[in-house]
Amino acid sequence: MLLHLWQFGRRKVADAIFDLGDLSIFTLHLLAGMRRRSSYNTLLPISYSVGVRSIPVVMITGMFIGMVLAVQAYAEFAHLGLATRLGQIINISVVRELGPVLAAVMLAGRVGSAMAAELATMRITEQIDALACLGANPVHYLGTPRLLASVLLIPLLTILANFMGVLGGAMICIDVYHVEAHHYWENTRGYVGMWDLMTGLIKPTFFGAAIAIVCCHRGFYSEAGAEGVGRAATRAFVLSFIVVLILDFFLAMFLNNLYDYLWPQAHRLL
């Protein structure tokens, strides 16, 4: 029994290492395709699908993030007599963490799964093989525009999610809990700095790249049949979700340490 468990575990580890190497090679192919100018007719529909069609989902997600934070935090802050300072914790939480992460998770489900399912369908119907026979590089032609669209548009969608989160939190605090609007915004003003805004834009750039790479890889190497397409879409979303959380952890550590290093240097120069 123990021998079988050991062999099973070793096989799973070997498969994971192989998949990681395959994903790394695929990523290099995608990045190599960025040296070539993407076709306008290819990039525009993908950008429309990734960006414009995701606006309602991102707006709803961002607004309810702020509203839920306001509802959960109000009782404690009001008990301490700090209700007018609710905007500080709501805005900093939305801009630095919850906005980028939850927007990326929603886009992984909406955009990433669609990418994986579309590419998997093209794989099993041999459209990708047909592109290769015509002399086009399928990874460059199909994968690179999706990577570019995700990297460029997901940060913009995150800005929209952050704005709606701040608006939703303010609406609940001011209109529902009747916090004084002047003091709410006065205490909030200046609390979210330029570094927080930069952090909230750096993270989605990496999240967008990770979502596009993982989902395109799952789609390109889909198994045959309708079941393979469904499995590719499911695995793409699950892996994207895990990668987003892992990236968020390491990026948060790196950016916090970078801030701790740069702030004394800037203070010294001033």
C-alpha atoms as a PDB file:
ATOM      1  CA  MET A   1       0.000   0.000   0.000  1.00  0.00           C
ATOM      2  CA  LEU A   2       2.732   2.426   0.955  1.00  0.00           C
ATOM      3  CA  LEU A   3       4.642   1.491  -2.197  1.00  0.00           C
ATOM      4  CA  HIS A   4       1.621   2.287  -4.365  1.00  0.00           C
ATOM      5  CA  LEU A   5       1.136   5.639  -2.604  1.00  0.00           C
ATOM      6  CA  TRP A   6       4.816   6.454  -3.089  1.00  0.00           C
ATOM      7  CA  GLN A   7       4.660   5.606  -6.790  1.00  0.00           C
ATOM      8  CA  PHE A   8       1.438   7.595  -7.220  1.00  0.00           C
ATOM      9  CA  GLY A   9       2.927  10.624  -5.481  1.00  0.00           C
ATOM     10  CA  ARG A  10       6.147  10.426  -7.455  1.00  0.00           C
ATOM     11  CA  ARG A  11       4.178  10.183 -10.695  1.00  0.00           C
ATOM     12  CA  LYS A  12       2.101  13.244  -9.786  1.00  0.00           C
ATOM     13  CA  VAL A  13       5.206  15.256  -8.931  1.00  0.00           C
ATOM     14  CA  ALA A  14       6.834  14.238 -12.215  1.00  0.00           C
ATOM     15  CA  ASP A  15       3.684  15.240 -14.132  1.00  0.00           C
ATOM     16  CA  ALA A  16       3.604  18.602 -12.355  1.00  0.00           C
ATOM     17  CA  ILE A  17       7.250  19.269 -13.209  1.00  0.00           C
ATOM     18  CA  PHE A  18       6.632  18.290 -16.820  1.00  0.00           C
ATOM     19  CA  ASP A  19       3.568  20.579 -17.043  1.00  0.00           C
ATOM     20  CA  LEU A  20       5.539  23.452 -15.520  1.00  0.00           C
ATOM     21  CA  GLY A  21       8.322  23.022 -18.075  1.00  0.00           C
ATOM     22  CA  ASP A  22       5.792  22.808 -20.903  1.00  0.00           C
ATOM     23  CA  LEU A  23       4.065  25.964 -19.641  1.00  0.00           C
ATOM     24  CA  SER A  24       7.418  27.785 -19.480  1.00  0.00           C
ATOM     25  CA  ILE A  25       8.229  26.887 -23.089  1.00  0.00           C
ATOM     26  CA  PHE A  26       4.736  27.941 -24.160  1.00  0.00           C
ATOM     27  CA  THR A  27       5.202  31.277 -22.370  1.00  0.00           C
ATOM     28  CA  LEU A  28       8.453  31.894 -24.229  1.00  0.00           C
ATOM     29  CA  HIS A  29       6.682  31.233 -27.531  1.00  0.00           C
ATOM     30  CA  LEU A  30       3.945  33.702 -26.577  1.00  0.00           C
ATOM     31  CA  LEU A  31       6.463  36.376 -25.633  1.00  0.00           C
ATOM     32  CA  ALA A  32       8.419  35.771 -28.822  1.00  0.00           C
ATOM     33  CA  GLY A  33       5.253  36.450 -30.782  1.00  0.00           C
ATOM     34  CA  MET A  34       5.040  39.949 -29.277  1.00  0.00           C
ATOM     35  CA  ARG A  35       7.960  41.023 -31.471  1.00  0.00           C
ATOM     36  CA  ARG A  36       5.648  40.700 -34.465  1.00  0.00           C
ATOM     37  CA  ARG A  37       2.891  43.219 -35.013  1.00  0.00           C
ATOM     38  CA  SER A  38      -0.490  41.666 -34.298  1.00  0.00           C
ATOM     39  CA  SER A  39      -3.161  42.028 -36.954  1.00  0.00           C
ATOM     40  CA  TYR A  40      -5.739  44.722 -36.261  1.00  0.00           C
ATOM     41  CA  ASN A  41      -8.524  42.380 -37.333  1.00  0.00           C
ATOM     42  CA  THR A  42      -7.297  39.772 -34.837  1.00  0.00           C
ATOM     43  CA  LEU A  43      -6.596  42.000 -31.847  1.00  0.00           C
ATOM     44  CA  LEU A  44      -9.717  44.194 -31.997  1.00  0.00           C
ATOM     45  CA  PRO A  45     -12.381  41.461 -31.523  1.00  0.00           C
ATOM     46  CA  ILE A  46     -10.366  39.889 -28.697  1.00  0.00           C
ATOM     47  CA  SER A  47      -9.945  43.283 -26.995  1.00  0.00           C
ATOM     48  CA  TYR A  48     -13.685  43.893 -27.327  1.00  0.00           C
ATOM     49  CA  SER A  49     -14.453  40.517 -25.757  1.00  0.00           C
ATOM     50  CA  VAL A  50     -11.939  40.939 -22.924  1.00  0.00           C
ATOM     51  CA  GLY A  51     -12.625  44.605 -22.212  1.00  0.00           C
ATOM     52  CA  VAL A  52     -16.049  45.886 -23.232  1.00  0.00           C
ATOM     53  CA  ARG A  53     -18.032  42.745 -22.478  1.00  0.00           C
ATOM     54  CA  SER A  54     -16.441  42.467 -19.034  1.00  0.00           C
ATOM     55  CA  ILE A  55     -17.479  45.955 -17.911  1.00  0.00           C
ATOM     56  CA  PRO A  56     -20.869  44.984 -16.356  1.00  0.00           C
ATOM     57  CA  VAL A  57     -19.365  42.087 -14.393  1.00  0.00           C
ATOM     58  CA  VAL A  58     -16.470  44.200 -13.133  1.00  0.00           C
ATOM     59  CA  MET A  59     -18.738  47.102 -12.155  1.00  0.00           C
ATOM     60  CA  ILE A  60     -21.103  44.867 -10.177  1.00  0.00           C
ATOM     61  CA  THR A  61     -18.226  43.020  -8.507  1.00  0.00           C
ATOM     62  CA  GLY A  62     -16.407  46.217  -7.546  1.00  0.00           C
ATOM     63  CA  MET A  63     -19.506  47.924  -6.177  1.00  0.00           C
ATOM     64  CA  PHE A  64     -20.506  45.008  -3.976  1.00  0.00           C
ATOM     65  CA  ILE A  65     -16.935  44.643  -2.689  1.00  0.00           C
ATOM     66  CA  GLY A  66     -17.134  48.169  -1.293  1.00  0.00           C
ATOM     67  CA  MET A  67     -20.682  47.685  -0.020  1.00  0.00           C
ATOM     68  CA  VAL A  68     -19.853  44.459   1.814  1.00  0.00           C
ATOM     69  CA  LEU A  69     -16.753  46.025   3.377  1.00  0.00           C
ATOM     70  CA  ALA A  70     -18.847  48.954   4.601  1.00  0.00           C
ATOM     71  CA  VAL A  71     -21.501  46.683   6.106  1.00  0.00           C
ATOM     72  CA  GLN A  72     -18.957  44.478   7.869  1.00  0.00           C
ATOM     73  CA  ALA A  73     -16.772  47.294   9.174  1.00  0.00           C
ATOM     74  CA  TYR A  74     -19.429  49.771  10.280  1.00  0.00           C
ATOM     75  CA  ALA A  75     -20.438  48.008  13.521  1.00  0.00           C
ATOM     76  CA  GLU A  76     -16.889  47.894  14.889  1.00  0.00           C
ATOM     77  CA  PHE A  77     -15.950  51.395  13.760  1.00  0.00           C
ATOM     78  CA  ALA A  78     -19.173  52.907  15.092  1.00  0.00           C
ATOM     79  CA  HIS A  79     -18.655  51.157  18.428  1.00  0.00           C
ATOM     80  CA  LEU A  80     -15.236  52.834  18.694  1.00  0.00           C
ATOM     81  CA  GLY A  81     -16.583  56.197  17.559  1.00  0.00           C
ATOM     82  CA  LEU A  82     -14.603  56.061  14.287  1.00  0.00           C
ATOM     83  CA  ALA A  83     -17.445  55.798  11.788  1.00  0.00           C
ATOM     84  CA  THR A  84     -16.175  58.800   9.814  1.00  0.00           C
ATOM     85  CA  ARG A  85     -12.895  56.945   9.220  1.00  0.00           C
ATOM     86  CA  LEU A  86     -14.568  54.012   7.490  1.00  0.00           C
ATOM     87  CA  GLY A  87     -13.504  55.336   4.105  1.00  0.00           C
ATOM     88  CA  GLN A  88      -9.843  54.862   4.941  1.00  0.00           C
ATOM     89  CA  ILE A  89     -10.034  51.113   5.498  1.00  0.00           C
ATOM     90  CA  ILE A  90     -12.559  50.575   2.709  1.00  0.00           C
ATOM     91  CA  ASN A  91     -10.634  52.494   0.065  1.00  0.00           C
ATOM     92  CA  ILE A  92      -7.200  51.123   0.925  1.00  0.00           C
ATOM     93  CA  SER A  93      -8.556  47.564   0.994  1.00  0.00           C
ATOM     94  CA  VAL A  94     -10.301  47.940  -2.342  1.00  0.00           C
ATOM     95  CA  VAL A  95      -7.473  49.702  -4.160  1.00  0.00           C
ATOM     96  CA  ARG A  96      -4.574  47.565  -2.926  1.00  0.00           C
ATOM     97  CA  GLU A  97      -6.016  44.071  -2.549  1.00  0.00           C
ATOM     98  CA  LEU A  98      -9.672  43.241  -2.992  1.00  0.00           C
ATOM     99  CA  GLY A  99     -10.266  45.201  -6.188  1.00  0.00           C
ATOM    100  CA  PRO A 100      -7.369  43.719  -8.206  1.00  0.00           C
ATOM    101  CA  VAL A 101      -7.742  40.178  -6.859  1.00  0.00           C
ATOM    102  CA  LEU A 102     -11.501  39.778  -7.124  1.00  0.00           C
ATOM    103  CA  ALA A 103     -11.615  41.510 -10.501  1.00  0.00           C
ATOM    104  CA  ALA A 104      -8.922  39.123 -11.752  1.00  0.00           C
ATOM    105  CA  VAL A 105     -10.828  36.122 -10.383  1.00  0.00           C
ATOM    106  CA  MET A 106     -14.037  37.236 -12.098  1.00  0.00           C
ATOM    107  CA  LEU A 107     -12.166  37.810 -15.359  1.00  0.00           C
ATOM    108  CA  ALA A 108     -10.484  34.421 -15.058  1.00  0.00           C
ATOM    109  CA  GLY A 109     -13.940  32.886 -14.923  1.00  0.00           C
ATOM    110  CA  ARG A 110     -15.450  34.986 -17.694  1.00  0.00           C
ATOM    111  CA  VAL A 111     -12.541  35.673 -20.040  1.00  0.00           C
ATOM    112  CA  GLY A 112     -10.097  32.874 -19.215  1.00  0.00           C
ATOM    113  CA  SER A 113     -12.596  30.045 -19.469  1.00  0.00           C
ATOM    114  CA  ALA A 114     -13.859  31.437 -22.768  1.00  0.00           C
ATOM    115  CA  MET A 115     -10.298  31.585 -24.129  1.00  0.00           C
ATOM    116  CA  ALA A 116      -9.592  28.012 -23.096  1.00  0.00           C
ATOM    117  CA  ALA A 117     -12.885  26.689 -24.477  1.00  0.00           C
ATOM    118  CA  GLU A 118     -12.470  28.543 -27.788  1.00  0.00           C
ATOM    119  CA  LEU A 119      -8.907  27.364 -28.338  1.00  0.00           C
ATOM    120  CA  ALA A 120      -9.781  23.830 -27.231  1.00  0.00           C
ATOM    121  CA  THR A 121     -12.608  23.750 -29.764  1.00  0.00           C
ATOM    122  CA  MET A 122     -10.203  24.935 -32.459  1.00  0.00           C
ATOM    123  CA  ARG A 123      -7.793  22.205 -31.411  1.00  0.00           C
ATOM    124  CA  ILE A 124     -10.270  19.312 -31.617  1.00  0.00           C
ATOM    125  CA  THR A 125     -11.743  20.596 -34.906  1.00  0.00           C
ATOM    126  CA  GLU A 126      -8.182  20.799 -36.337  1.00  0.00           C
ATOM    127  CA  GLN A 127      -8.359  24.520 -37.059  1.00  0.00           C
ATOM    128  CA  ILE A 128      -5.044  25.028 -35.250  1.00  0.00           C
ATOM    129  CA  ASP A 129      -3.454  22.336 -37.413  1.00  0.00           C
ATOM    130  CA  ALA A 130      -4.867  24.059 -40.499  1.00  0.00           C
ATOM    131  CA  LEU A 131      -3.198  27.329 -39.463  1.00  0.00           C
ATOM    132  CA  ALA A 132       0.117  25.527 -39.126  1.00  0.00           C
ATOM    133  CA  CYS A 133      -0.313  23.985 -42.572  1.00  0.00           C
ATOM    134  CA  LEU A 134      -0.924  27.454 -44.015  1.00  0.00           C
ATOM    135  CA  GLY A 135       2.427  28.600 -42.643  1.00  0.00           C
ATOM    136  CA  ALA A 136       1.143  30.646 -39.700  1.00  0.00           C
ATOM    137  CA  ASN A 137       2.416  30.075 -36.194  1.00  0.00           C
ATOM    138  CA  PRO A 138      -0.735  29.185 -34.195  1.00  0.00           C
ATOM    139  CA  VAL A 139       0.740  30.354 -30.888  1.00  0.00           C
ATOM    140  CA  HIS A 140       1.708  33.741 -32.343  1.00  0.00           C
ATOM    141  CA  TYR A 141      -1.520  34.157 -34.308  1.00  0.00           C
ATOM    142  CA  LEU A 142      -3.992  33.004 -31.627  1.00  0.00           C
ATOM    143  CA  GLY A 143      -2.182  33.256 -28.303  1.00  0.00           C
ATOM    144  CA  THR A 144      -0.205  36.497 -28.466  1.00  0.00           C
ATOM    145  CA  PRO A 145      -3.212  38.791 -29.216  1.00  0.00           C
ATOM    146  CA  ARG A 146      -5.010  37.296 -26.226  1.00  0.00           C
ATOM    147  CA  LEU A 147      -1.974  37.925 -24.047  1.00  0.00           C
ATOM    148  CA  LEU A 148      -1.719  41.533 -25.227  1.00  0.00           C
ATOM    149  CA  ALA A 149      -5.429  42.176 -24.702  1.00  0.00           C
ATOM    150  CA  SER A 150      -5.335  40.743 -21.182  1.00  0.00           C
ATOM    151  CA  VAL A 151      -2.215  42.646 -20.143  1.00  0.00           C
ATOM    152  CA  LEU A 152      -3.513  45.951 -21.505  1.00  0.00           C
ATOM    153  CA  LEU A 153      -7.180  45.792 -20.543  1.00  0.00           C
ATOM    154  CA  ILE A 154      -7.363  43.970 -17.210  1.00  0.00           C
ATOM    155  CA  PRO A 155      -5.563  46.854 -15.395  1.00  0.00           C
ATOM    156  CA  LEU A 156      -8.088  49.276 -16.910  1.00  0.00           C
ATOM    157  CA  LEU A 157     -10.944  47.077 -15.757  1.00  0.00           C
ATOM    158  CA  THR A 158      -9.378  47.003 -12.305  1.00  0.00           C
ATOM    159  CA  ILE A 159      -9.454  50.815 -12.202  1.00  0.00           C
ATOM    160  CA  LEU A 160     -13.177  50.609 -12.918  1.00  0.00           C
ATOM    161  CA  ALA A 161     -13.631  47.981 -10.190  1.00  0.00           C
ATOM    162  CA  ASN A 162     -11.730  50.179  -7.705  1.00  0.00           C
ATOM    163  CA  PHE A 163     -13.839  53.210  -8.564  1.00  0.00           C
ATOM    164  CA  MET A 164     -17.069  51.270  -8.131  1.00  0.00           C
ATOM    165  CA  GLY A 165     -15.790  49.800  -4.856  1.00  0.00           C
ATOM    166  CA  VAL A 166     -15.039  53.254  -3.443  1.00  0.00           C
ATOM    167  CA  LEU A 167     -18.427  54.488  -4.672  1.00  0.00           C
ATOM    168  CA  GLY A 168     -20.274  51.500  -3.207  1.00  0.00           C
ATOM    169  CA  GLY A 169     -18.603  51.855   0.187  1.00  0.00           C
ATOM    170  CA  ALA A 170     -19.367  55.582   0.304  1.00  0.00           C
ATOM    171  CA  MET A 171     -22.986  54.998  -0.694  1.00  0.00           C
ATOM    172  CA  ILE A 172     -23.590  52.525   2.141  1.00  0.00           C
ATOM    173  CA  CYS A 173     -21.764  54.610   4.748  1.00  0.00           C
ATOM    174  CA  ILE A 174     -23.367  57.929   3.823  1.00  0.00           C
ATOM    175  CA  ASP A 175     -26.850  56.983   2.595  1.00  0.00           C
ATOM    176  CA  VAL A 176     -27.575  53.898   4.716  1.00  0.00           C
ATOM    177  CA  TYR A 177     -25.615  54.451   7.943  1.00  0.00           C
ATOM    178  CA  HIS A 178     -25.842  58.265   7.719  1.00  0.00           C
ATOM    179  CA  VAL A 179     -22.178  58.966   8.286  1.00  0.00           C
ATOM    180  CA  GLU A 180     -21.449  62.667   7.792  1.00  0.00           C
ATOM    181  CA  ALA A 181     -20.311  62.981   4.170  1.00  0.00           C
ATOM    182  CA  HIS A 182     -17.942  65.892   4.751  1.00  0.00           C
ATOM    183  CA  HIS A 183     -16.029  64.156   7.520  1.00  0.00           C
ATOM    184  CA  TYR A 184     -16.098  60.841   5.641  1.00  0.00           C
ATOM    185  CA  TRP A 185     -14.379  62.275   2.576  1.00  0.00           C
ATOM    186  CA  GLU A 186     -12.167  64.642   4.577  1.00  0.00           C
ATOM    187  CA  ASN A 187     -10.720  61.777   6.633  1.00  0.00           C
ATOM    188  CA  THR A 188     -10.354  59.664   3.504  1.00  0.00           C
ATOM    189  CA  ARG A 189      -8.596  62.330   1.433  1.00  0.00           C
ATOM    190  CA  GLY A 190      -4.891  61.710   1.103  1.00  0.00           C
ATOM    191  CA  TYR A 191      -5.012  58.319   2.814  1.00  0.00           C
ATOM    192  CA  VAL A 192      -4.725  56.435  -0.479  1.00  0.00           C
ATOM    193  CA  GLY A 193      -1.435  57.592  -1.976  1.00  0.00           C
ATOM    194  CA  MET A 194       0.209  57.283  -5.348  1.00  0.00           C
ATOM    195  CA  TRP A 195       2.063  54.153  -4.233  1.00  0.00           C
ATOM    196  CA  ASP A 196      -1.243  52.445  -3.421  1.00  0.00           C
ATOM    197  CA  LEU A 197      -2.588  53.314  -6.869  1.00  0.00           C
ATOM    198  CA  MET A 198       0.574  51.994  -8.511  1.00  0.00           C
ATOM    199  CA  THR A 199       0.343  48.792  -6.488  1.00  0.00           C
ATOM    200  CA  GLY A 200      -3.259  48.395  -7.602  1.00  0.00           C
ATOM    201  CA  LEU A 201      -2.141  48.635 -11.253  1.00  0.00           C
ATOM    202  CA  ILE A 202       1.052  46.568 -11.119  1.00  0.00           C
ATOM    203  CA  LYS A 203      -0.738  43.523  -9.746  1.00  0.00           C
ATOM    204  CA  PRO A 204      -3.469  43.346 -12.444  1.00  0.00           C
ATOM    205  CA  THR A 205      -0.799  43.526 -15.160  1.00  0.00           C
ATOM    206  CA  PHE A 206       0.761  40.321 -13.843  1.00  0.00           C
ATOM    207  CA  PHE A 207      -2.665  38.804 -13.191  1.00  0.00           C
ATOM    208  CA  GLY A 208      -3.732  39.467 -16.776  1.00  0.00           C
ATOM    209  CA  ALA A 209      -0.567  37.891 -18.169  1.00  0.00           C
ATOM    210  CA  ALA A 210      -0.973  34.847 -15.912  1.00  0.00           C
ATOM    211  CA  ILE A 211      -4.633  34.363 -16.869  1.00  0.00           C
ATOM    212  CA  ALA A 212      -3.888  34.585 -20.591  1.00  0.00           C
ATOM    213  CA  ILE A 213      -0.866  32.255 -20.444  1.00  0.00           C
ATOM    214  CA  VAL A 214      -2.543  29.559 -18.341  1.00  0.00           C
ATOM    215  CA  CYS A 215      -5.836  29.610 -20.252  1.00  0.00           C
ATOM    216  CA  CYS A 216      -4.229  29.638 -23.695  1.00  0.00           C
ATOM    217  CA  HIS A 217      -1.958  26.765 -22.663  1.00  0.00           C
ATOM    218  CA  ARG A 218      -4.913  24.709 -21.424  1.00  0.00           C
ATOM    219  CA  GLY A 219      -6.793  25.427 -24.647  1.00  0.00           C
ATOM    220  CA  PHE A 220      -3.911  24.604 -26.982  1.00  0.00           C
ATOM    221  CA  TYR A 221      -3.264  21.272 -25.286  1.00  0.00           C
ATOM    222  CA  SER A 222      -6.855  20.210 -24.783  1.00  0.00           C
ATOM    223  CA  GLU A 223      -7.899  16.579 -24.849  1.00  0.00           C
ATOM    224  CA  ALA A 224     -10.143  15.303 -27.616  1.00  0.00           C
ATOM    225  CA  GLY A 225     -13.927  15.452 -27.525  1.00  0.00           C
ATOM    226  CA  ALA A 226     -16.535  17.636 -25.901  1.00  0.00           C
ATOM    227  CA  GLU A 227     -15.447  16.371 -22.492  1.00  0.00           C
ATOM    228  CA  GLY A 228     -11.903  17.542 -23.222  1.00  0.00           C
ATOM    229  CA  VAL A 229     -13.160  21.061 -24.016  1.00  0.00           C
ATOM    230  CA  GLY A 230     -15.086  21.232 -20.746  1.00  0.00           C
ATOM    231  CA  ARG A 231     -12.130  19.877 -18.797  1.00  0.00           C
ATOM    232  CA  ALA A 232      -9.811  22.423 -20.432  1.00  0.00           C
ATOM    233  CA  ALA A 233     -12.110  25.322 -19.477  1.00  0.00           C
ATOM    234  CA  THR A 234     -12.467  24.060 -15.900  1.00  0.00           C
ATOM    235  CA  ARG A 235      -8.753  23.480 -15.424  1.00  0.00           C
ATOM    236  CA  ALA A 236      -7.987  26.885 -16.936  1.00  0.00           C
ATOM    237  CA  PHE A 237     -10.168  28.668 -14.398  1.00  0.00           C
ATOM    238  CA  VAL A 238      -8.935  26.664 -11.407  1.00  0.00           C
ATOM    239  CA  LEU A 239      -5.267  27.083 -12.311  1.00  0.00           C
ATOM    240  CA  SER A 240      -5.751  30.781 -13.063  1.00  0.00           C
ATOM    241  CA  PHE A 241      -7.407  31.292  -9.687  1.00  0.00           C
ATOM    242  CA  ILE A 242      -4.551  29.539  -7.878  1.00  0.00           C
ATOM    243  CA  VAL A 243      -1.880  31.426  -9.839  1.00  0.00           C
ATOM    244  CA  VAL A 244      -3.574  34.781  -9.134  1.00  0.00           C
ATOM    245  CA  LEU A 245      -3.559  34.104  -5.388  1.00  0.00           C
ATOM    246  CA  ILE A 246       0.076  32.953  -5.421  1.00  0.00           C
ATOM    247  CA  LEU A 247       1.131  35.970  -7.475  1.00  0.00           C
ATOM    248  CA  ASP A 248      -0.783  38.285  -5.160  1.00  0.00           C
ATOM    249  CA  PHE A 249       1.095  36.933  -2.141  1.00  0.00           C
ATOM    250  CA  PHE A 250       4.560  37.291  -3.662  1.00  0.00           C
ATOM    251  CA  LEU A 251       3.827  40.648  -5.300  1.00  0.00           C
ATOM    252  CA  ALA A 252       2.483  42.014  -2.012  1.00  0.00           C
ATOM    253  CA  MET A 253       5.652  40.943  -0.200  1.00  0.00           C
ATOM    254  CA  PHE A 254       7.888  42.343  -2.931  1.00  0.00           C
ATOM    255  CA  LEU A 255       6.079  45.678  -3.239  1.00  0.00           C
ATOM    256  CA  ASN A 256       5.900  46.180   0.528  1.00  0.00           C
ATOM    257  CA  ASN A 257       9.628  45.525   0.878  1.00  0.00           C
ATOM    258  CA  LEU A 258      10.319  47.801  -2.078  1.00  0.00           C
ATOM    259  CA  TYR A 259       8.294  50.569  -0.441  1.00  0.00           C
ATOM    260  CA  ASP A 260      10.131  50.111   2.853  1.00  0.00           C
ATOM    261  CA  TYR A 261      13.412  50.469   0.950  1.00  0.00           C
ATOM    262  CA  LEU A 262      12.456  53.382  -1.301  1.00  0.00           C
ATOM    263  CA  TRP A 263      10.622  55.546   1.245  1.00  0.00           C
ATOM    264  CA  PRO A 264      13.678  56.297   3.444  1.00  0.00           C
ATOM    265  CA  GLN A 265      15.713  56.995   0.285  1.00  0.00           C
ATOM    266  CA  ALA A 266      13.123  59.473  -0.978  1.00  0.00           C
ATOM    267  CA  HIS A 267      12.885  61.023   2.505  1.00  0.00           C
ATOM    268  CA  ARG A 268      16.638  61.512   2.540  1.00  0.00           C
ATOM    269  CA  LEU A 269      16.625  63.207  -0.871  1.00  0.00           C
ATOM    270  CA  LEU A 270      13.906  65.592   0.235  1.00  0.00           C
END
